[in-house]
Amino acid sequence: MTPNFHFRHGWFFAIFLFCGALVLANLIHYILFRVIRRKEAQATTLGWGLQKHLGGPARAIFFLTCALIALPAIPDIPDHLEDIIRQGLIIAMVAALGWFAVGCIYVFQNAILRRYDLQAENNVQARRVHTQFQLFRRMAITFVIIVDAGALLWTFNDPRIWHYGSGLLASAGIASLILATAAKSTAANFLAGLQIAITEPIRIDDVVVIQGEWGRIEEINSAYVVVRIWDLRRLIVPLSFFIENSFQNWTRESADIMGTAFLYVDYSIPVEALREQLNKIVHPSPLWNKQVCGLQVTNLTDHTMELRCLVSSRNSSENFDLRCIVREQMIAFIQQNYPAAFPTTRFTALPDTPPRDPCSTTPFAPKTNLPS
């Protein structure tokens, strides 16, 4: 009876110790992340997504730590079974640490990117940092996964497993070279991603024109770029396209842009009056960035005079709206004040004379129907 009671008492003590450690770990975890959640709700400097990215791996690490602490206290467990359980817990711990490291990468990214707002008026630096961090984050996560896989192999004490693992990694390296050679487009896109991160031909939220489509860079993946077209369509473009082909980037150095609105009017209209009216339209508008506003005669044809209204704005979207306003109000001004100045086609009538006989100097008398 005594050994049996001792056996049960030992198991009870081990279970009690495990439960106590687990309760303590969960209590610490709960208090810690509840404080973090409150700080995030208050939009403080801790709002970096700690609960979102680190809550799960932290709970797993706490649980596995409690299990490793309580494992030696379990009585009368066979040595080989204890080794198997410990090995499994260590493997799970290494995987949880890798998960935690990936979460730390996301938290670090959020902490850095909080300082760079894409909604700011002049967001060139913000777009540069967001683009670089998207690409470097994927590279860092890939590196963490490789290191974590190597650490999993090193948790085994058997040198044969190390040998097999080394052979597996070597085989994977050779296989990756073969696949990279076969899949040239994939390798080209990967290298293009590195070039884009360094040389920055495009950034997140850049305004670009690709194959006649106007849109914004919405996402840069490891293989392609997602361009959000103005009508909410998505254009999927391979990364290598931006390295090998020409395209328009309207926000490469600054979001400021100039746009034109053309008017085609008759020669009789006074240009100076239209120039004054353009200033009255553009200067009070919040869409104008107070830099460029002018009207010039840019072309003359045999029927019309071409006037170019040149205006500038903070970005392409505001400039498009401002150009539409300029067209509408300038046309309304011409309709009200110079309605005859729109393009017209003139005809000159010939004098109404009877035809002449080429052999006679006197004109033919027109025929008349006389009453009988």
Protein backbone atom coordinates (compact mmCIF):
# COMPACT_ATOMS: atom_id res chain seq x y z
CA MET A 1 0.00 0.00 0.00
CA THR A 2 2.76 2.40 0.86
CA PRO A 3 4.52 2.27 -2.55
CA ASN A 4 1.18 2.61 -4.29
CA PHE A 5 0.25 5.57 -2.12
CA HIS A 6 3.68 7.08 -2.75
CA PHE A 7 3.16 6.61 -6.48
CA ARG A 8 -0.23 8.35 -6.35
CA HIS A 9 1.09 11.06 -4.09
CA GLY A 10 3.98 11.73 -6.50
CA TRP A 11 1.67 11.99 -9.47
CA PHE A 12 -0.62 14.30 -7.50
CA PHE A 13 2.31 16.54 -6.62
CA ALA A 14 3.46 16.65 -10.26
CA ILE A 15 -0.04 17.48 -11.51
CA PHE A 16 -0.43 20.11 -8.80
CA LEU A 17 2.94 21.66 -9.71
CA PHE A 18 2.10 21.65 -13.41
CA CYS A 19 -1.33 23.20 -12.86
CA GLY A 20 0.08 25.82 -10.52
CA ALA A 21 2.78 26.80 -13.00
CA LEU A 22 0.25 26.87 -15.83
CA VAL A 23 -2.14 29.06 -13.84
CA LEU A 24 0.71 31.43 -12.95
CA ALA A 25 1.87 31.60 -16.56
CA ASN A 26 -1.64 32.32 -17.84
CA LEU A 27 -2.14 34.92 -15.12
CA ILE A 28 1.05 36.73 -16.11
CA HIS A 29 0.10 36.39 -19.77
CA TYR A 30 -3.41 37.74 -19.13
CA ILE A 31 -2.22 40.72 -17.08
CA LEU A 32 0.56 41.59 -19.51
CA PHE A 33 -1.54 41.51 -22.66
CA ARG A 34 -4.54 43.13 -21.03
CA VAL A 35 -2.34 46.12 -20.23
CA ILE A 36 -1.04 46.08 -23.80
CA ARG A 37 -4.59 45.92 -25.18
CA ARG A 38 -5.60 48.94 -23.11
CA LYS A 39 -2.57 50.87 -24.28
CA GLU A 40 -3.40 50.05 -27.89
CA ALA A 41 -7.02 51.15 -27.36
CA GLN A 42 -5.71 54.49 -26.08
CA ALA A 43 -3.55 54.84 -29.23
CA THR A 44 -0.34 55.16 -27.25
CA THR A 45 3.14 54.30 -28.43
CA LEU A 46 2.55 50.64 -27.58
CA GLY A 47 -0.06 50.28 -30.29
CA TRP A 48 2.23 48.16 -32.44
CA GLY A 49 0.05 45.05 -32.72
CA LEU A 50 1.68 43.26 -29.78
CA GLN A 51 -1.48 41.41 -28.84
CA LYS A 52 -2.21 40.49 -32.44
CA HIS A 53 1.26 39.22 -33.38
CA LEU A 54 2.76 38.09 -30.05
CA GLY A 55 -0.26 36.95 -28.03
CA GLY A 56 -0.44 33.44 -29.52
CA PRO A 57 3.28 32.59 -29.51
CA ALA A 58 3.74 34.03 -26.01
CA ARG A 59 0.97 31.80 -24.67
CA ALA A 60 2.55 28.77 -26.35
CA ILE A 61 5.98 29.58 -24.89
CA PHE A 62 4.51 29.99 -21.40
CA PHE A 63 2.70 26.67 -21.68
CA LEU A 64 5.76 24.78 -22.97
CA THR A 65 7.99 26.33 -20.30
CA CYS A 66 5.60 25.12 -17.61
CA ALA A 67 5.61 21.66 -19.15
CA LEU A 68 9.41 21.49 -19.22
CA ILE A 69 9.61 22.64 -15.60
CA ALA A 70 7.06 20.10 -14.43
CA LEU A 71 8.45 17.18 -16.43
CA PRO A 72 11.29 16.25 -14.01
CA ALA A 73 8.82 16.19 -11.12
CA ILE A 74 6.81 13.34 -12.66
CA PRO A 75 7.74 10.19 -10.65
CA ASP A 76 8.46 6.69 -11.92
CA ILE A 77 8.41 7.62 -15.58
CA PRO A 78 10.63 5.51 -17.83
CA ASP A 79 13.77 7.22 -19.02
CA HIS A 80 13.12 6.61 -22.71
CA LEU A 81 9.57 7.96 -22.40
CA GLU A 82 10.82 11.03 -20.56
CA ASP A 83 13.40 11.63 -23.29
CA ILE A 84 10.74 11.37 -25.98
CA ILE A 85 8.44 13.80 -24.15
CA ARG A 86 11.30 16.22 -23.49
CA GLN A 87 12.37 16.04 -27.14
CA GLY A 88 8.84 16.75 -28.30
CA LEU A 89 8.53 19.71 -25.91
CA ILE A 90 11.88 21.10 -27.06
CA ILE A 91 10.85 20.81 -30.72
CA ALA A 92 7.59 22.57 -29.92
CA MET A 93 9.51 25.24 -28.00
CA VAL A 94 11.83 25.89 -30.96
CA ALA A 95 8.83 26.17 -33.29
CA ALA A 96 7.12 28.54 -30.84
CA LEU A 97 10.26 30.67 -30.64
CA GLY A 98 10.31 30.87 -34.43
CA TRP A 99 6.66 31.90 -34.37
CA PHE A 100 7.52 34.51 -31.75
CA ALA A 101 10.41 35.81 -33.90
CA VAL A 102 8.11 36.22 -36.89
CA GLY A 103 5.68 38.13 -34.67
CA CYS A 104 8.53 40.37 -33.52
CA ILE A 105 9.28 41.21 -37.15
CA TYR A 106 5.68 42.37 -37.65
CA VAL A 107 5.77 44.35 -34.39
CA PHE A 108 9.04 46.01 -35.40
CA GLN A 109 7.55 46.91 -38.78
CA ASN A 110 4.47 48.44 -37.16
CA ALA A 111 6.61 50.39 -34.71
CA ILE A 112 8.67 51.89 -37.54
CA LEU A 113 5.81 52.53 -39.97
CA ARG A 114 3.73 54.39 -37.36
CA ARG A 115 6.02 57.35 -37.95
CA TYR A 116 5.31 57.38 -41.70
CA ASP A 117 1.70 58.15 -42.60
CA LEU A 118 0.64 57.33 -46.15
CA GLN A 119 -2.28 59.76 -45.81
CA ALA A 120 0.02 62.75 -45.31
CA GLU A 121 0.07 65.46 -47.95
CA ASN A 122 3.73 64.96 -48.87
CA ASN A 123 4.23 61.24 -48.34
CA VAL A 124 7.23 60.45 -50.54
CA GLN A 125 9.36 59.33 -47.59
CA ALA A 126 6.45 57.32 -46.15
CA ARG A 127 5.91 55.49 -49.44
CA ARG A 128 9.62 54.73 -49.66
CA VAL A 129 9.76 53.23 -46.15
CA HIS A 130 6.53 51.24 -46.56
CA THR A 131 7.78 49.71 -49.81
CA GLN A 132 11.17 48.76 -48.43
CA PHE A 133 9.73 47.25 -45.25
CA GLN A 134 7.26 45.11 -47.17
CA LEU A 135 10.06 43.50 -49.15
CA PHE A 136 12.55 43.23 -46.29
CA ARG A 137 9.88 41.78 -44.00
CA ARG A 138 9.34 38.86 -46.36
CA MET A 139 13.07 38.30 -46.62
CA ALA A 140 13.47 38.40 -42.82
CA ILE A 141 10.61 35.93 -42.31
CA THR A 142 12.18 33.56 -44.84
CA PHE A 143 15.50 33.80 -43.00
CA VAL A 144 13.79 33.10 -39.63
CA ILE A 145 12.06 30.03 -41.05
CA ILE A 146 15.36 28.66 -42.38
CA VAL A 147 17.15 29.29 -39.07
CA ASP A 148 14.26 27.75 -37.14
CA ALA A 149 14.35 24.64 -39.33
CA GLY A 150 18.09 24.33 -38.70
CA ALA A 151 17.52 24.75 -34.95
CA LEU A 152 14.94 21.96 -35.05
CA LEU A 153 17.53 19.64 -36.54
CA TRP A 154 20.10 20.62 -33.90
CA THR A 155 17.69 19.69 -31.09
CA PHE A 156 18.34 16.00 -31.86
CA ASN A 157 21.34 14.51 -30.12
CA ASP A 158 21.85 11.85 -32.76
CA PRO A 159 24.75 12.74 -35.11
CA ARG A 160 23.08 10.70 -37.84
CA ILE A 161 20.14 13.10 -37.88
CA TRP A 162 22.58 15.99 -38.18
CA HIS A 163 24.16 14.22 -41.11
CA TYR A 164 20.78 13.60 -42.73
CA GLY A 165 19.77 17.16 -42.04
CA SER A 166 22.93 18.52 -43.62
CA GLY A 167 22.35 16.29 -46.64
CA LEU A 168 18.76 17.48 -46.80
CA LEU A 169 19.80 21.13 -46.72
CA ALA A 170 22.44 20.49 -49.37
CA SER A 171 19.88 18.71 -51.52
CA ALA A 172 17.46 21.57 -51.01
CA GLY A 173 20.15 24.02 -52.10
CA ILE A 174 20.89 22.04 -55.27
CA ALA A 175 17.17 21.64 -55.95
CA SER A 176 16.62 25.37 -55.51
CA LEU A 177 19.36 26.10 -58.06
CA ILE A 178 17.79 23.67 -60.53
CA LEU A 179 14.33 25.16 -59.99
CA ALA A 180 15.69 28.69 -60.29
CA THR A 181 17.30 27.76 -63.61
CA ALA A 182 14.08 26.15 -64.85
CA ALA A 183 11.79 28.89 -63.56
CA LYS A 184 13.64 31.89 -64.94
CA SER A 185 10.66 34.20 -64.55
CA THR A 186 10.35 33.44 -60.85
CA ALA A 187 14.05 34.06 -60.27
CA ALA A 188 13.85 37.23 -62.36
CA ASN A 189 10.93 38.50 -60.28
CA PHE A 190 12.79 37.74 -57.05
CA LEU A 191 15.86 39.66 -58.19
CA ALA A 192 13.63 42.43 -59.53
CA GLY A 193 12.08 42.71 -56.07
CA LEU A 194 15.52 43.30 -54.58
CA GLN A 195 16.26 45.93 -57.24
CA ILE A 196 12.96 47.67 -56.60
CA ALA A 197 13.65 47.77 -52.86
CA ILE A 198 17.07 49.34 -53.43
CA THR A 199 16.58 51.60 -56.47
CA GLU A 200 12.91 52.48 -55.74
CA PRO A 201 11.41 52.92 -59.21
CA ILE A 202 8.02 52.39 -57.55
CA ARG A 203 6.72 52.66 -54.00
CA ILE A 204 3.51 51.92 -52.18
CA ASP A 205 0.78 54.44 -53.12
CA ASP A 206 2.71 55.72 -56.16
CA VAL A 207 0.58 56.99 -59.04
CA VAL A 208 1.61 55.19 -62.23
CA VAL A 209 0.44 54.83 -65.82
CA ILE A 210 1.02 51.32 -67.18
CA GLN A 211 -0.11 50.32 -70.67
CA GLY A 212 -2.50 53.26 -70.74
CA GLU A 213 -4.03 52.45 -67.33
CA TRP A 214 -3.90 55.06 -64.55
CA GLY A 215 -3.73 53.72 -61.01
CA ARG A 216 -1.96 53.53 -57.65
CA ILE A 217 0.51 50.94 -56.38
CA GLU A 218 -1.54 49.05 -53.81
CA GLU A 219 0.70 46.09 -52.96
CA ILE A 220 4.18 44.82 -53.82
CA ASN A 221 4.56 41.06 -53.42
CA SER A 222 7.57 38.85 -53.98
CA ALA A 223 6.41 38.03 -57.54
CA TYR A 224 4.03 40.77 -58.71
CA VAL A 225 2.65 44.24 -58.08
CA VAL A 226 -1.03 45.04 -57.57
CA VAL A 227 -2.08 48.33 -59.20
CA ARG A 228 -5.47 49.74 -58.16
CA ILE A 229 -7.04 51.32 -61.25
CA TRP A 230 -9.15 54.46 -60.82
CA ASP A 231 -12.37 52.48 -61.44
CA LEU A 232 -11.41 49.99 -58.65
CA ARG A 233 -10.12 47.30 -61.01
CA ARG A 234 -6.83 45.63 -60.10
CA LEU A 235 -3.97 45.32 -62.57
CA ILE A 236 -1.53 42.50 -61.74
CA VAL A 237 1.94 43.27 -63.11
CA PRO A 238 5.08 41.06 -62.69
CA LEU A 239 7.94 42.67 -60.80
CA SER A 240 10.28 42.21 -63.76
CA PHE A 241 8.04 44.49 -65.86
CA PHE A 242 9.11 47.56 -63.84
CA ILE A 243 12.78 46.75 -64.44
CA GLU A 244 12.60 45.84 -68.13
CA ASN A 245 9.96 48.28 -69.44
CA SER A 246 9.22 51.98 -69.37
CA PHE A 247 6.25 53.32 -67.45
CA GLN A 248 5.05 56.63 -66.02
CA ASN A 249 5.48 57.39 -62.31
CA TRP A 250 3.70 60.62 -61.45
CA THR A 251 4.86 60.68 -57.82
CA ARG A 252 8.50 59.65 -58.14
CA GLU A 253 9.89 62.74 -56.39
CA SER A 254 6.76 64.61 -55.35
CA ALA A 255 3.01 64.24 -55.54
CA ASP A 256 2.66 67.76 -57.03
CA ILE A 257 1.52 67.71 -60.64
CA MET A 258 0.39 70.07 -63.40
CA GLY A 259 -2.52 69.48 -65.73
CA THR A 260 -4.06 71.14 -68.77
CA ALA A 261 -7.54 71.98 -69.98
CA PHE A 262 -7.85 72.97 -73.64
CA LEU A 263 -10.41 75.38 -75.09
CA TYR A 264 -11.15 75.79 -78.80
CA VAL A 265 -12.69 79.16 -79.57
CA ASP A 266 -13.10 81.64 -82.36
CA TYR A 267 -10.49 84.29 -83.17
CA SER A 268 -12.85 87.03 -82.09
CA ILE A 269 -12.74 86.23 -78.36
CA PRO A 270 -10.54 88.43 -76.12
CA VAL A 271 -7.80 86.24 -74.59
CA GLU A 272 -7.05 88.60 -71.70
CA ALA A 273 -10.64 88.39 -70.44
CA LEU A 274 -10.43 84.59 -70.40
CA ARG A 275 -7.10 84.78 -68.54
CA GLU A 276 -8.65 86.95 -65.83
CA GLN A 277 -11.62 84.60 -65.55
CA LEU A 278 -9.29 81.61 -65.15
CA ASN A 279 -7.59 83.31 -62.21
CA LYS A 280 -10.97 83.98 -60.61
CA ILE A 281 -11.87 80.29 -60.94
CA VAL A 282 -8.61 78.74 -59.80
CA HIS A 283 -7.29 81.03 -57.06
CA PRO A 284 -10.15 80.49 -54.54
CA SER A 285 -10.25 76.73 -55.17
CA PRO A 286 -8.84 74.45 -52.37
CA LEU A 287 -7.72 72.06 -55.13
CA TRP A 288 -5.06 74.52 -56.31
CA ASN A 289 -1.63 74.39 -54.62
CA LYS A 290 -0.93 78.09 -55.35
CA GLN A 291 1.94 77.45 -57.74
CA VAL A 292 0.95 77.42 -61.43
CA CYS A 293 -2.08 79.01 -63.08
CA GLY A 294 -1.91 80.36 -66.60
CA LEU A 295 -3.65 80.59 -69.96
CA GLN A 296 -1.82 80.70 -73.29
CA VAL A 297 -2.60 80.47 -76.98
CA THR A 298 -0.87 77.25 -78.00
CA ASN A 299 -2.10 76.68 -81.55
CA LEU A 300 -3.93 78.32 -84.43
CA THR A 301 -5.86 76.59 -87.19
CA ASP A 302 -7.86 77.88 -90.12
CA HIS A 303 -11.06 77.65 -88.07
CA THR A 304 -10.24 77.87 -84.33
CA MET A 305 -7.79 79.16 -81.75
CA GLU A 306 -6.47 76.67 -79.14
CA LEU A 307 -6.15 77.96 -75.58
CA ARG A 308 -4.33 75.94 -72.90
CA CYS A 309 -5.31 76.39 -69.26
CA LEU A 310 -2.37 75.15 -67.14
CA VAL A 311 -3.03 74.53 -63.42
CA SER A 312 -1.18 72.69 -60.65
CA SER A 313 -2.36 70.70 -57.62
CA ARG A 314 -1.01 68.71 -54.69
CA ASN A 315 -1.74 65.36 -56.34
CA SER A 316 -3.16 63.88 -59.53
CA SER A 317 -6.64 63.24 -58.11
CA GLU A 318 -7.12 66.87 -57.09
CA ASN A 319 -5.65 68.05 -60.37
CA PHE A 320 -8.14 65.98 -62.35
CA ASP A 321 -11.04 67.52 -60.42
CA LEU A 322 -9.61 71.02 -60.83
CA ARG A 323 -9.26 70.58 -64.59
CA CYS A 324 -12.88 69.49 -64.85
CA ILE A 325 -13.98 72.57 -62.88
CA VAL A 326 -11.92 74.82 -65.15
CA ARG A 327 -13.51 73.36 -68.29
CA GLU A 328 -17.05 73.65 -66.94
CA GLN A 329 -16.79 77.20 -65.63
CA MET A 330 -14.78 78.54 -68.56
CA ILE A 331 -17.35 77.20 -71.02
CA ALA A 332 -20.14 78.72 -68.91
CA PHE A 333 -18.32 82.08 -68.93
CA ILE A 334 -17.98 82.02 -72.72
CA GLN A 335 -21.64 81.07 -73.14
CA GLN A 336 -22.78 83.99 -70.99
CA ASN A 337 -20.43 86.68 -72.25
CA TYR A 338 -19.21 85.66 -75.72
CA PRO A 339 -21.79 83.28 -77.18
CA ALA A 340 -20.69 84.07 -80.73
CA ALA A 341 -17.08 83.15 -80.00
CA PHE A 342 -17.52 79.40 -80.20
CA PRO A 343 -16.02 77.79 -83.31
CA THR A 344 -18.10 78.59 -86.37
CA THR A 345 -17.89 77.70 -90.04
CA ARG A 346 -18.35 80.71 -92.37
CA PHE A 347 -19.82 80.52 -95.84
CA THR A 348 -19.75 83.35 -98.43
CA ALA A 349 -22.63 83.36 -100.91
CA LEU A 350 -21.93 84.20 -104.56
CA PRO A 351 -23.95 87.05 -106.17
CA ASP A 352 -27.27 85.95 -107.72
CA THR A 353 -26.56 86.71 -111.51
CA PRO A 354 -27.92 84.87 -114.55
CA PRO A 355 -25.56 82.62 -116.53
CA ARG A 356 -23.79 84.15 -119.52
CA ASP A 357 -23.41 82.77 -123.06
CA PRO A 358 -19.73 82.15 -123.64
CA CYS A 359 -20.18 83.24 -127.30
CA SER A 360 -22.12 86.40 -126.56
CA THR A 361 -21.51 89.53 -124.58
CA THR A 362 -25.14 89.81 -123.43
CA PRO A 363 -26.58 87.55 -120.78
CA PHE A 364 -29.30 85.09 -121.54
CA ALA A 365 -32.72 86.29 -120.63
CA PRO A 366 -34.33 84.09 -118.07
CA LYS A 367 -37.24 82.05 -119.23
CA THR A 368 -40.61 83.10 -117.98
CA ASN A 369 -43.90 81.37 -118.30
CA LEU A 370 -46.32 83.84 -119.90
CA PRO A 371 -50.02 83.38 -119.57
CA SER A 372 -51.72 82.18 -122.73
